[in-house]
Amino acid sequence: MTTDPRSFFILYALENAVRHQNIPKAGSVLGALLGAHPEFRTKAKELTGILAEVLAEVEALSPEEREARLREEAPEMLAKKEKKEKKTGLAPLDDVPEGGVVVRFAPNPSGPLHLGHARAAYLNDYYVREYGGRYVIRIEDTDPKRIEPENYGLLMEDLEWLGLKNTEYFYQSDRLDIYYEYGRKLIEMGGAYLCTCDSETFRELKNSKKPCPCRDRAVEENITLWEQMLAGEFAEGTIAVRVKTEIDHPDPAMRDFAIFRIVASPPHPRVEARVYPMMNFSVTVDDHLLGMTHVIRGKDHIANAKRQRYIYEYFGWTEPAFFHYGRMSVGDVVLSTSAMKAGIAEGTYSGWDDIHLGTLKAIARRGIQAEAVRKAMVLIGMGQTDITFSWENLFSANKELVDPVAHRYFFVPDPVTCTIAGAKPATAIIPKHPNDASAGVRELSFEQKVCVARSDLEGVTMVRLKDLFNVTVGKSEDGRFTLTYAGDSLDEVRAAKGRIIQWLPDEETIPCTLLRPDGDMKGVCEPAVALEENGVIQFERIGFARVDAVDKKHGVTAYFAHR
């Protein structure tokens, strides 16, 4: 194959002109050439004159002549590569109303959201996007013992990051009067009663399939106790409202379960109250009043669906369609809120966004896009079989999003500084993105010394400094590496089974720490990385990372995403 850059320029200029039906642009053509043929990168400045001649030659051709010449000389460059997208999606829903679905996601402000929450959020979101309708975000905050005020803010940040569609927000703590109203109605119709047994006594009766002595109280007496309960005349743990079910039900958990209780402390951060509904009651009332058509949630709620059916039947309400998906494990990544909180307090984790955690904040800090999480969750689907979350599917989805836009840079871990004997000063002109000439180029100017990774020089006799030239590798008597210029031929490096390695001019580096789940990596990177703060980049031959912070003392701190 010819190594004449002019012949390559002709082909790339023709392709650019035909593909975009315009006069070929110098930057795009040069970027395409350097991206496909890195051996020319050290000669980029010399190519400017040749490129100008080629562009003038191609510009002089008519559109028909350009296409005919490209078809003759490189038909493979003319063919349009249509990327076939893998068809993904969830099974269609039955009984969708004309106005679309009404679904809900109901997080609890006990901490930030994690990957398990994202599955519920995005499965429901999928059907709102598919059919239209309403998406109710219901903050389930009727257990003061599980709430800390700052968690509301953490939760709202995560919900905003998820980017859910057609959302309406409700706080259950704002709806206590509604729950009290329907609690009273259920008592009045004889479907619930006030129980003053202590918890141990009731448990023994329930497990023996014996009715609680409170069960036969008259409605009037129950209403009196209910009003006293609301008025604060009972202490925590001394009274509860129970729904009447079959006392001999095969499942003890179904027998006269509680629907209201007293929580005296801690105080609720949003409302003044002592009487709070249990989840199965508040959820049923809300799902009916807010018009849920379909409820999609984990199969750990199957038993709750059975409890809630009693309440639907008492009030004569129609149940929504229930779907329960299987459990999703995520390997060794911590999802337990209490475990995360304890680890943060002990200093094991740096915060809710520590790279070892499975919170959405940790995922986002690594540069994983919300859309990638969405795609991964839809791919998992909502079957009832228990599954293990695939990090590879998430990383693959994220790579599709960031690869087209992430600028490329060099990162040299555990660097050693070497003088290259016999080498003349040179400048490597490297595209910031191999497939996007509009991203521009970066220049690395070699004078005498380079920084390279110690491990890249071990066990080889020749390496190629990527986008620069080849060097032979030796060691001096005192054990230091010695590098000697060895020409520009890629074939010689391949024949010597040498590596193509990253490098940096000794004078042009800044400290860089790459935080990874399996251990931090310290080294140096290109100064231009400091301009990418909060952006996702790719450290060539290492992987994608999000530039988290830049300061004078520590240089760049980046979070590793994936390869």
Protein backbone atom coordinates (compact mmCIF):
# COMPACT_ATOMS: atom_id res chain seq x y z
CA MET A 1 0.00 0.00 0.00
CA THR A 2 1.25 3.45 -0.87
CA THR A 3 2.50 5.67 1.91
CA ASP A 4 2.10 8.83 -0.18
CA PRO A 5 -0.04 11.19 1.92
CA ARG A 6 -1.33 12.91 -1.24
CA SER A 7 -3.16 9.79 -2.39
CA PHE A 8 -4.85 9.46 1.00
CA PHE A 9 -5.76 13.15 1.01
CA ILE A 10 -7.49 12.73 -2.34
CA LEU A 11 -9.65 9.88 -1.04
CA TYR A 12 -10.63 11.59 2.21
CA ALA A 13 -11.35 14.87 0.42
CA LEU A 14 -13.54 13.08 -2.11
CA GLU A 15 -15.37 11.19 0.64
CA ASN A 16 -15.96 14.39 2.61
CA ALA A 17 -17.29 16.21 -0.44
CA VAL A 18 -19.57 13.38 -1.53
CA ARG A 19 -20.86 12.50 1.93
CA HIS A 20 -21.71 16.09 2.91
CA GLN A 21 -22.38 17.43 -0.61
CA ASN A 22 -20.17 20.44 -0.12
CA ILE A 23 -16.64 21.72 -0.66
CA PRO A 24 -14.33 19.59 1.49
CA LYS A 25 -13.07 21.32 4.64
CA ALA A 26 -9.36 21.29 5.40
CA GLY A 27 -9.79 20.51 9.11
CA SER A 28 -12.11 17.57 8.50
CA VAL A 29 -9.90 16.05 5.84
CA LEU A 30 -6.73 16.47 7.92
CA GLY A 31 -8.46 15.01 10.98
CA ALA A 32 -9.69 11.99 9.02
CA LEU A 33 -6.19 11.33 7.65
CA LEU A 34 -4.43 11.64 11.00
CA GLY A 35 -7.07 9.54 12.72
CA ALA A 36 -6.72 6.66 10.27
CA HIS A 37 -2.95 6.97 9.64
CA PRO A 38 -1.15 8.02 12.82
CA GLU A 39 2.23 7.59 11.11
CA PHE A 40 1.68 11.00 9.49
CA ARG A 41 1.00 12.87 12.73
CA THR A 42 4.58 13.97 13.31
CA LYS A 43 4.57 15.48 9.82
CA ALA A 44 1.25 17.27 10.10
CA LYS A 45 2.71 20.73 9.52
CA GLU A 46 4.46 19.53 6.37
CA LEU A 47 1.15 18.29 4.96
CA THR A 48 -0.51 21.69 4.87
CA GLY A 49 0.79 22.55 1.41
CA ILE A 50 -0.16 19.18 -0.03
CA LEU A 51 -3.65 19.47 1.47
CA ALA A 52 -4.24 22.87 -0.12
CA GLU A 53 -3.38 21.45 -3.56
CA VAL A 54 -5.67 18.44 -3.06
CA LEU A 55 -8.61 20.55 -1.93
CA ALA A 56 -8.25 22.78 -4.97
CA GLU A 57 -8.19 19.71 -7.23
CA VAL A 58 -11.33 18.21 -5.66
CA GLU A 59 -13.13 21.55 -5.60
CA ALA A 60 -12.63 21.84 -9.36
CA LEU A 61 -14.60 18.61 -9.95
CA SER A 62 -18.36 18.53 -10.34
CA PRO A 63 -20.42 16.58 -7.76
CA GLU A 64 -20.94 13.83 -10.35
CA GLU A 65 -17.22 13.63 -11.09
CA ARG A 66 -16.34 13.43 -7.43
CA GLU A 67 -18.72 10.53 -6.84
CA ALA A 68 -17.57 8.68 -9.96
CA ARG A 69 -13.91 8.99 -9.02
CA LEU A 70 -14.52 7.85 -5.44
CA ARG A 71 -16.58 4.92 -6.71
CA GLU A 72 -13.70 3.90 -8.95
CA GLU A 73 -10.83 4.35 -6.48
CA ALA A 74 -12.44 3.46 -3.13
CA PRO A 75 -16.01 2.17 -3.44
CA GLU A 76 -15.98 1.02 0.20
CA MET A 77 -15.72 4.67 1.28
CA LEU A 78 -18.79 5.53 -0.76
CA ALA A 79 -21.05 2.94 0.80
CA LYS A 80 -23.26 4.31 3.54
CA LYS A 81 -22.85 2.40 6.77
CA GLU A 82 -26.27 2.19 8.27
CA LYS A 83 -26.07 1.28 11.90
CA LYS A 84 -28.75 -1.25 12.81
CA GLU A 85 -30.07 -0.49 16.23
CA LYS A 86 -31.02 -3.45 18.34
CA LYS A 87 -34.74 -3.32 18.98
CA THR A 88 -35.35 -3.00 22.68
CA GLY A 89 -38.44 -2.37 24.71
CA LEU A 90 -40.90 -3.77 27.19
CA ALA A 91 -43.99 -5.84 26.53
CA PRO A 92 -47.12 -3.83 25.72
CA LEU A 93 -49.68 -3.19 28.44
CA ASP A 94 -53.31 -4.24 28.32
CA ASP A 95 -56.25 -2.00 29.14
CA VAL A 96 -54.51 1.31 28.51
CA PRO A 97 -57.09 4.14 28.72
CA GLU A 98 -57.48 6.58 25.85
CA GLY A 99 -55.62 9.30 27.77
CA GLY A 100 -52.64 7.07 28.48
CA VAL A 101 -51.37 5.36 31.59
CA VAL A 102 -51.16 6.71 35.13
CA VAL A 103 -48.21 5.15 36.94
CA ARG A 104 -46.16 6.04 39.98
CA PHE A 105 -42.74 5.89 41.55
CA ALA A 106 -42.76 6.10 45.33
CA PRO A 107 -39.34 6.69 46.92
CA ASN A 108 -38.75 7.19 50.62
CA PRO A 109 -36.54 10.06 51.88
CA SER A 110 -34.39 7.74 53.97
CA GLY A 111 -31.36 8.49 51.78
CA PRO A 112 -30.40 9.07 48.15
CA LEU A 113 -31.65 6.83 45.34
CA HIS A 114 -29.63 3.84 44.11
CA LEU A 115 -29.68 1.48 41.12
CA GLY A 116 -32.55 -0.53 42.57
CA HIS A 117 -34.69 2.61 42.66
CA ALA A 118 -33.66 3.46 39.11
CA ARG A 119 -35.18 0.21 37.85
CA ALA A 120 -38.62 1.07 39.26
CA ALA A 121 -38.32 4.68 38.09
CA TYR A 122 -37.40 3.83 34.51
CA LEU A 123 -39.75 0.90 33.98
CA ASN A 124 -42.67 3.17 34.84
CA ASP A 125 -41.17 6.01 32.83
CA TYR A 126 -40.96 3.73 29.78
CA TYR A 127 -44.72 3.28 29.63
CA VAL A 128 -45.43 6.98 30.14
CA ARG A 129 -43.24 7.67 27.11
CA GLU A 130 -44.83 4.80 25.18
CA TYR A 131 -48.49 5.60 25.83
CA GLY A 132 -48.54 9.12 27.22
CA GLY A 133 -50.38 9.95 30.42
CA ARG A 134 -49.26 10.96 33.92
CA TYR A 135 -46.32 9.95 36.07
CA VAL A 136 -46.95 10.45 39.79
CA ILE A 137 -43.84 10.84 41.95
CA ARG A 138 -45.14 10.13 45.44
CA ILE A 139 -42.72 10.80 48.28
CA GLU A 140 -43.59 8.24 50.95
CA ASP A 141 -42.63 10.11 54.11
CA THR A 142 -45.04 8.89 56.77
CA ASP A 143 -42.43 7.19 58.96
CA PRO A 144 -40.51 9.88 60.87
CA LYS A 145 -38.06 7.29 62.17
CA ARG A 146 -36.70 6.79 58.64
CA ILE A 147 -36.52 10.46 57.63
CA GLU A 148 -33.74 13.01 57.94
CA PRO A 149 -34.47 16.54 56.67
CA GLU A 150 -31.48 16.69 54.31
CA ASN A 151 -32.66 13.54 52.55
CA TYR A 152 -35.44 15.47 50.82
CA GLY A 153 -32.84 17.51 48.97
CA LEU A 154 -30.78 14.43 48.10
CA LEU A 155 -33.90 12.76 46.74
CA MET A 156 -34.97 15.70 44.60
CA GLU A 157 -31.47 15.98 43.09
CA ASP A 158 -31.61 12.33 42.08
CA LEU A 159 -35.11 12.62 40.62
CA GLU A 160 -34.03 15.59 38.53
CA TRP A 161 -30.98 13.63 37.28
CA LEU A 162 -33.17 10.70 36.21
CA GLY A 163 -35.04 12.94 33.76
CA LEU A 164 -38.46 11.29 34.15
CA LYS A 165 -41.30 12.40 31.87
CA ASN A 166 -44.71 13.95 32.67
CA THR A 167 -44.10 13.98 36.41
CA GLU A 168 -46.42 15.24 39.15
CA TYR A 169 -45.10 15.41 42.72
CA PHE A 170 -46.98 14.51 45.90
CA TYR A 171 -45.77 14.26 49.51
CA GLN A 172 -47.70 11.80 51.63
CA SER A 173 -47.01 13.96 54.69
CA ASP A 174 -49.19 16.62 53.02
CA ARG A 175 -52.07 14.12 52.72
CA LEU A 176 -52.50 13.02 56.34
CA ASP A 177 -56.00 14.52 56.59
CA ILE A 178 -57.03 12.45 53.56
CA TYR A 179 -55.78 9.27 55.21
CA TYR A 180 -57.56 10.21 58.46
CA GLU A 181 -60.81 10.72 56.51
CA TYR A 182 -60.68 7.32 54.86
CA GLY A 183 -59.47 5.67 58.06
CA ARG A 184 -62.58 6.95 59.82
CA LYS A 185 -64.79 5.74 56.96
CA LEU A 186 -63.31 2.27 57.18
CA ILE A 187 -63.93 2.20 60.95
CA GLU A 188 -67.52 3.42 60.47
CA MET A 189 -68.27 0.67 57.97
CA GLY A 190 -66.93 -1.93 60.39
CA GLY A 191 -63.88 -2.79 58.32
CA ALA A 192 -61.37 -1.68 60.96
CA TYR A 193 -61.12 -1.44 64.72
CA LEU A 194 -58.95 0.18 67.40
CA CYS A 195 -56.66 -2.31 69.13
CA THR A 196 -55.16 -1.54 72.54
CA CYS A 197 -53.39 -4.88 73.01
CA ASP A 198 -49.63 -4.74 73.43
CA SER A 199 -47.70 -6.03 70.46
CA GLU A 200 -46.60 -9.29 72.07
CA THR A 201 -50.13 -10.20 73.17
CA PHE A 202 -51.54 -9.51 69.71
CA ARG A 203 -48.75 -11.54 68.08
CA GLU A 204 -49.53 -14.57 70.23
CA LEU A 205 -53.24 -14.33 69.45
CA LYS A 206 -52.63 -13.86 65.76
CA ASN A 207 -50.25 -16.81 65.51
CA SER A 208 -52.81 -18.95 67.37
CA LYS A 209 -55.57 -17.87 64.94
CA LYS A 210 -57.49 -16.32 67.84
CA PRO A 211 -59.27 -12.96 67.54
CA CYS A 212 -58.09 -9.98 69.51
CA PRO A 213 -60.61 -9.03 72.27
CA CYS A 214 -60.71 -5.54 70.76
CA ARG A 215 -62.11 -6.92 67.50
CA ASP A 216 -65.72 -6.93 68.67
CA ARG A 217 -65.85 -3.36 69.91
CA ALA A 218 -68.85 -1.40 68.75
CA VAL A 219 -68.32 1.10 65.95
CA GLU A 220 -69.21 4.00 68.26
CA GLU A 221 -66.54 2.94 70.75
CA ASN A 222 -63.98 2.58 67.97
CA ILE A 223 -64.76 6.08 66.71
CA THR A 224 -64.32 7.48 70.22
CA LEU A 225 -60.92 5.78 70.53
CA TRP A 226 -59.97 7.01 67.03
CA GLU A 227 -60.73 10.61 68.00
CA GLN A 228 -58.77 10.22 71.24
CA MET A 229 -55.87 8.75 69.26
CA LEU A 230 -55.85 11.76 66.93
CA ALA A 231 -56.11 14.11 69.93
CA GLY A 232 -52.88 12.74 71.39
CA GLU A 233 -54.41 10.92 74.36
CA PHE A 234 -52.46 7.70 73.75
CA ALA A 235 -48.74 7.01 73.99
CA GLU A 236 -46.72 5.44 71.23
CA GLY A 237 -47.15 1.66 71.11
CA THR A 238 -50.39 1.58 73.13
CA ILE A 239 -52.96 1.69 70.31
CA ALA A 240 -53.25 0.86 66.60
CA VAL A 241 -55.94 0.69 63.95
CA ARG A 242 -56.30 -2.78 62.40
CA VAL A 243 -58.20 -3.81 59.30
CA LYS A 244 -60.47 -6.82 59.72
CA THR A 245 -59.39 -9.82 57.65
CA GLU A 246 -59.73 -13.60 58.05
CA ILE A 247 -58.32 -14.40 61.49
CA ASP A 248 -57.56 -17.92 60.26
CA HIS A 249 -55.86 -16.84 57.04
CA PRO A 250 -53.07 -19.30 56.06
CA ASP A 251 -50.57 -16.43 56.05
CA PRO A 252 -50.23 -14.91 59.55
CA ALA A 253 -49.10 -11.61 58.00
CA MET A 254 -52.57 -11.21 56.48
CA ARG A 255 -54.40 -11.49 59.79
CA ASP A 256 -55.80 -8.16 61.01
CA PHE A 257 -52.76 -6.13 59.95
CA ALA A 258 -52.26 -2.57 61.25
CA ILE A 259 -53.10 0.46 59.10
CA PHE A 260 -52.44 3.33 61.58
CA ARG A 261 -50.05 3.73 64.48
CA ILE A 262 -48.61 6.44 66.73
CA VAL A 263 -45.08 7.76 66.24
CA ALA A 264 -44.33 10.26 69.01
CA SER A 265 -40.66 10.86 68.20
CA PRO A 266 -38.66 11.96 66.39
CA PRO A 267 -40.75 14.89 65.16
CA HIS A 268 -41.58 14.91 61.48
CA PRO A 269 -39.52 17.52 59.57
CA ARG A 270 -42.49 18.73 57.49
CA VAL A 271 -45.67 18.37 59.58
CA GLU A 272 -46.88 18.25 63.18
CA ALA A 273 -48.46 14.85 63.71
CA ARG A 274 -48.46 11.76 65.91
CA VAL A 275 -50.78 9.42 64.00
CA TYR A 276 -49.39 8.04 60.75
CA PRO A 277 -50.83 5.58 58.24
CA MET A 278 -49.07 2.33 57.51
CA MET A 279 -47.83 1.89 53.96
CA ASN A 280 -50.53 -0.52 52.79
CA PHE A 281 -53.31 1.89 53.72
CA SER A 282 -51.80 5.13 52.41
CA VAL A 283 -50.66 3.46 49.18
CA THR A 284 -54.13 2.05 48.49
CA VAL A 285 -55.89 5.34 49.16
CA ASP A 286 -53.39 7.26 47.00
CA ASP A 287 -53.42 4.77 44.14
CA HIS A 288 -57.20 5.06 43.97
CA LEU A 289 -57.56 8.81 44.42
CA LEU A 290 -54.65 9.64 42.09
CA GLY A 291 -56.04 7.35 39.41
CA MET A 292 -53.34 4.70 39.00
CA THR A 293 -54.01 2.47 35.99
CA HIS A 294 -50.91 0.27 36.35
CA VAL A 295 -48.59 -0.38 39.29
CA ILE A 296 -45.09 -1.67 38.46
CA ARG A 297 -42.92 -2.64 41.42
CA GLY A 298 -40.71 -5.39 42.84
CA LYS A 299 -42.08 -8.82 43.72
CA ASP A 300 -41.33 -8.18 47.38
CA HIS A 301 -44.63 -6.26 47.21
CA ILE A 302 -46.71 -9.27 46.13
CA ALA A 303 -47.79 -9.84 49.73
CA ASN A 304 -48.60 -6.14 50.05
CA ALA A 305 -50.86 -6.37 47.00
CA LYS A 306 -52.83 -9.07 48.83
CA ARG A 307 -53.15 -6.87 51.93
CA GLN A 308 -54.18 -3.88 49.86
CA ARG A 309 -56.90 -5.94 48.17
CA TYR A 310 -58.83 -6.00 51.44
CA ILE A 311 -58.97 -2.21 51.45
CA TYR A 312 -59.98 -2.06 47.77
CA GLU A 313 -62.80 -4.48 48.48
CA TYR A 314 -64.06 -2.66 51.58
CA PHE A 315 -64.37 0.61 49.65
CA GLY A 316 -65.58 -1.03 46.44
CA TRP A 317 -62.69 0.37 44.43
CA THR A 318 -61.27 -1.16 41.25
CA GLU A 319 -57.67 -2.28 41.58
CA PRO A 320 -55.06 -1.10 39.07
CA ALA A 321 -53.18 -3.70 37.05
CA PHE A 322 -50.27 -4.96 39.16
CA PHE A 323 -46.89 -6.06 37.75
CA HIS A 324 -44.16 -7.39 40.02
CA TYR A 325 -40.62 -7.87 38.73
CA GLY A 326 -37.89 -10.06 40.23
CA ARG A 327 -35.11 -9.04 42.56
CA MET A 328 -31.99 -7.46 41.13
CA SER A 329 -28.64 -7.98 42.83
CA VAL A 330 -25.64 -5.83 41.97
CA GLY A 331 -22.78 -7.98 43.18
CA ASP A 332 -20.60 -6.54 45.92
CA VAL A 333 -21.80 -2.95 45.49
CA VAL A 334 -23.49 -1.62 48.63
CA LEU A 335 -27.14 -0.55 48.25
CA SER A 336 -28.33 -0.72 51.87
CA THR A 337 -28.99 2.81 53.11
CA SER A 338 -28.14 1.90 56.70
CA ALA A 339 -24.89 0.20 55.64
CA MET A 340 -23.91 3.18 53.51
CA LYS A 341 -24.72 5.61 56.29
CA ALA A 342 -22.64 3.60 58.75
CA GLY A 343 -19.74 3.38 56.30
CA ILE A 344 -19.78 7.14 55.76
CA ALA A 345 -19.79 7.75 59.51
CA GLU A 346 -16.85 5.36 59.98
CA GLY A 347 -14.87 6.92 57.14
CA THR A 348 -15.04 3.80 54.95
CA TYR A 349 -16.82 5.83 52.28
CA SER A 350 -16.17 9.46 51.45
CA GLY A 351 -19.87 10.26 51.05
CA TRP A 352 -23.05 9.22 49.27
CA ASP A 353 -21.21 9.56 45.95
CA ASP A 354 -18.25 7.33 46.90
CA ILE A 355 -17.10 5.33 43.89
CA HIS A 356 -17.67 2.02 45.73
CA LEU A 357 -21.40 2.64 46.22
CA GLY A 358 -24.37 1.95 43.99
CA THR A 359 -26.11 5.29 44.55
CA LEU A 360 -27.14 7.35 41.55
CA LYS A 361 -24.87 10.09 42.89
CA ALA A 362 -21.89 7.72 42.73
CA ILE A 363 -22.92 6.58 39.25
CA ALA A 364 -23.24 10.16 38.02
CA ARG A 365 -19.91 11.20 39.56
CA ARG A 366 -18.20 8.52 37.51
CA GLY A 367 -19.55 10.04 34.32
CA ILE A 368 -22.33 7.52 33.72
CA GLN A 369 -25.19 9.24 31.91
CA ALA A 370 -28.78 8.92 33.09
CA GLU A 371 -29.79 7.75 29.60
CA ALA A 372 -27.36 4.84 29.90
CA VAL A 373 -29.00 3.77 33.17
CA ARG A 374 -32.40 4.03 31.47
CA LYS A 375 -31.30 1.79 28.59
CA ALA A 376 -29.77 -0.77 30.95
CA MET A 377 -32.94 -0.98 33.04
CA VAL A 378 -35.25 -1.32 30.05
CA LEU A 379 -32.99 -4.06 28.72
CA ILE A 380 -33.38 -5.93 32.03
CA GLY A 381 -37.16 -5.69 31.71
CA MET A 382 -39.67 -6.66 34.37
CA GLY A 383 -39.78 -10.44 34.44
CA GLN A 384 -40.27 -12.11 37.80
CA THR A 385 -37.03 -14.09 37.59
CA ASP A 386 -34.33 -12.82 39.95
CA ILE A 387 -31.34 -11.44 38.05
CA THR A 388 -27.89 -9.99 38.60
CA PHE A 389 -27.40 -6.49 37.30
CA SER A 390 -25.00 -6.36 34.37
CA TRP A 391 -22.42 -3.62 34.77
CA GLU A 392 -21.16 -4.47 31.30
CA ASN A 393 -24.57 -3.61 29.80
CA LEU A 394 -24.53 -0.29 31.65
CA PHE A 395 -20.98 0.49 30.53
CA SER A 396 -21.79 -0.48 26.94
CA ALA A 397 -24.83 1.80 26.92
CA ASN A 398 -22.80 4.65 28.41
CA LYS A 399 -19.98 4.17 25.92
CA GLU A 400 -22.43 4.65 23.06
CA LEU A 401 -23.28 8.03 24.55
CA VAL A 402 -19.85 9.36 25.55
CA ASP A 403 -17.57 7.83 22.94
CA PRO A 404 -18.71 10.18 20.13
CA VAL A 405 -18.06 13.31 22.21
CA ALA A 406 -15.33 12.54 24.77
CA HIS A 407 -12.01 14.20 23.98
CA ARG A 408 -8.93 11.97 24.08
CA TYR A 409 -5.90 12.66 26.25
CA PHE A 410 -2.76 10.91 27.53
CA PHE A 411 -2.43 9.79 31.13
CA VAL A 412 0.88 8.33 32.36
CA PRO A 413 0.66 6.35 35.63
CA ASP A 414 3.71 5.86 37.84
CA PRO A 415 5.83 8.01 35.49
CA VAL A 416 9.59 7.94 34.95
CA THR A 417 11.45 10.70 33.14
CA CYS A 418 13.81 9.66 30.33
CA THR A 419 16.07 11.53 27.93
CA ILE A 420 15.85 10.19 24.36
CA ALA A 421 19.25 9.96 22.72
CA GLY A 422 19.51 10.84 19.06
CA ALA A 423 16.07 12.42 18.80
CA LYS A 424 15.41 15.83 17.34
CA PRO A 425 12.72 18.13 18.70
CA ALA A 426 9.33 17.29 17.22
CA THR A 427 5.68 18.16 17.68
CA ALA A 428 2.94 15.56 17.66
CA ILE A 429 -0.34 16.97 16.40
CA ILE A 430 -3.10 14.67 17.64
CA PRO A 431 -6.86 14.92 17.05
CA LYS A 432 -8.85 15.45 20.22
CA HIS A 433 -11.28 12.94 18.76
CA PRO A 434 -10.35 10.40 16.08
CA ASN A 435 -13.76 10.63 14.37
CA ASP A 436 -14.59 14.30 14.84
CA ALA A 437 -12.26 16.74 13.17
CA SER A 438 -14.35 19.66 14.45
CA ALA A 439 -13.11 18.87 17.98
CA GLY A 440 -9.71 20.21 16.95
CA VAL A 441 -6.24 18.95 17.77
CA ARG A 442 -3.83 18.95 20.67
CA GLU A 443 -0.10 19.51 20.31
CA LEU A 444 2.58 17.79 22.37
CA SER A 445 6.05 19.20 21.76
CA PHE A 446 9.03 16.93 22.41
CA GLU A 447 12.37 18.57 23.22
CA GLN A 448 14.63 16.08 25.01
CA LYS A 449 12.81 14.35 27.86
CA VAL A 450 9.57 12.43 28.13
CA CYS A 451 7.49 10.98 30.96
CA VAL A 452 6.41 7.38 30.39
CA ALA A 453 4.90 4.70 32.62
CA ARG A 454 7.51 2.51 34.27
CA SER A 455 5.51 -0.64 33.51
CA ASP A 456 5.41 0.20 29.77
CA LEU A 457 9.19 -0.06 29.54
CA GLU A 458 9.56 -3.34 31.39
CA GLY A 459 10.36 -6.44 29.33
CA VAL A 460 10.57 -4.82 25.88
CA THR A 461 13.39 -3.70 23.61
CA MET A 462 11.40 -1.24 21.51
CA VAL A 463 8.28 0.88 22.00
CA ARG A 464 6.48 3.49 19.98
CA LEU A 465 5.66 6.76 21.67
CA LYS A 466 2.12 7.10 20.39
CA ASP A 467 1.79 9.66 17.58
CA LEU A 468 5.52 10.52 17.80
CA PHE A 469 8.23 7.96 16.92
CA ASN A 470 9.91 4.71 17.97
CA VAL A 471 12.58 4.28 20.63
CA THR A 472 14.70 1.37 21.72
CA VAL A 473 14.70 0.52 25.42
CA GLY A 474 17.71 -0.41 27.49
CA LYS A 475 19.02 -0.06 31.01
CA SER A 476 22.11 1.60 32.37
CA GLU A 477 24.40 0.03 34.97
CA ASP A 478 22.53 1.78 37.76
CA GLY A 479 19.21 0.31 36.57
CA ARG A 480 17.80 3.38 34.86
CA PHE A 481 15.97 3.10 31.56
CA THR A 482 17.80 4.41 28.50
CA LEU A 483 15.84 5.39 25.40
CA THR A 484 17.25 5.92 21.92
CA TYR A 485 15.49 7.25 18.84
CA ALA A 486 14.68 4.40 16.43
CA GLY A 487 12.83 5.94 13.47
CA ASP A 488 9.17 6.21 12.50
CA SER A 489 8.28 2.78 11.11
CA LEU A 490 5.26 1.09 12.68
CA ASP A 491 6.26 -2.17 11.01
CA GLU A 492 9.56 -2.23 12.93
CA VAL A 493 7.76 -1.86 16.26
CA ARG A 494 5.34 -4.62 15.40
CA ALA A 495 8.17 -6.90 14.28
CA ALA A 496 9.93 -6.29 17.61
CA LYS A 497 6.62 -6.98 19.43
CA GLY A 498 6.92 -3.55 20.95
CA ARG A 499 4.16 -1.61 22.65
CA ILE A 500 2.52 1.59 21.57
CA ILE A 501 2.61 3.65 24.75
CA GLN A 502 1.42 6.98 26.05
CA TRP A 503 3.97 9.67 26.85
CA LEU A 504 4.13 13.29 27.83
CA PRO A 505 6.77 15.99 27.41
CA ASP A 506 8.54 16.32 30.75
CA GLU A 507 7.88 20.04 30.75
CA GLU A 508 4.15 19.72 30.01
CA THR A 509 2.52 17.60 32.72
CA ILE A 510 0.24 18.09 35.69
CA PRO A 511 -0.40 15.64 38.55
CA CYS A 512 -3.44 13.43 38.08
CA THR A 513 -5.21 10.93 40.34
CA LEU A 514 -7.63 8.49 38.72
CA LEU A 515 -10.06 7.10 41.30
CA ARG A 516 -11.17 3.54 40.51
CA PRO A 517 -13.24 0.95 42.43
CA ASP A 518 -10.27 -1.42 42.47
CA GLY A 519 -7.73 1.15 43.64
CA ASP A 520 -6.54 4.64 42.81
CA MET A 521 -4.02 5.29 40.03
CA LYS A 522 -1.62 8.23 40.35
CA GLY A 523 0.36 9.79 37.56
CA VAL A 524 0.48 12.78 35.23
CA CYS A 525 -1.72 13.96 32.39
CA GLU A 526 -1.88 16.59 29.69
CA PRO A 527 -2.44 20.14 31.01
CA ALA A 528 -5.48 20.50 28.72
CA VAL A 529 -7.33 17.96 30.87
CA ALA A 530 -7.69 20.71 33.48
CA LEU A 531 -9.98 22.56 31.05
CA GLU A 532 -12.43 19.62 31.01
CA GLU A 533 -13.63 19.89 34.64
CA ASN A 534 -16.99 18.14 35.13
CA GLY A 535 -16.74 16.66 31.64
CA VAL A 536 -16.22 13.08 30.49
CA ILE A 537 -12.98 12.37 28.64
CA GLN A 538 -11.09 9.29 27.54
CA PHE A 539 -7.60 8.59 28.77
CA GLU A 540 -6.26 6.69 25.77
CA ARG A 541 -5.66 2.99 26.39
CA ILE A 542 -7.03 3.32 29.92
CA GLY A 543 -10.69 4.26 29.69
CA PHE A 544 -13.35 6.91 30.07
CA ALA A 545 -13.33 9.12 33.13
CA ARG A 546 -15.08 12.17 34.51
CA VAL A 547 -12.83 15.08 35.46
CA ASP A 548 -14.08 15.73 38.98
CA ALA A 549 -11.86 18.49 40.34
CA VAL A 550 -8.85 20.63 39.44
CA ASP A 551 -6.68 22.55 41.89
CA LYS A 552 -3.13 23.88 42.07
CA LYS A 553 -2.03 21.58 44.87
CA HIS A 554 -3.31 18.20 43.65
CA GLY A 555 -3.74 18.84 39.94
CA VAL A 556 -6.53 16.79 38.35
CA THR A 557 -8.77 14.32 40.18
CA ALA A 558 -10.80 12.11 37.84
CA TYR A 559 -13.31 9.31 38.45
CA PHE A 560 -12.91 6.21 36.31
CA ALA A 561 -16.09 5.20 34.46
CA HIS A 562 -15.23 2.19 32.29
CA ARG A 563 -13.10 1.15 29.34
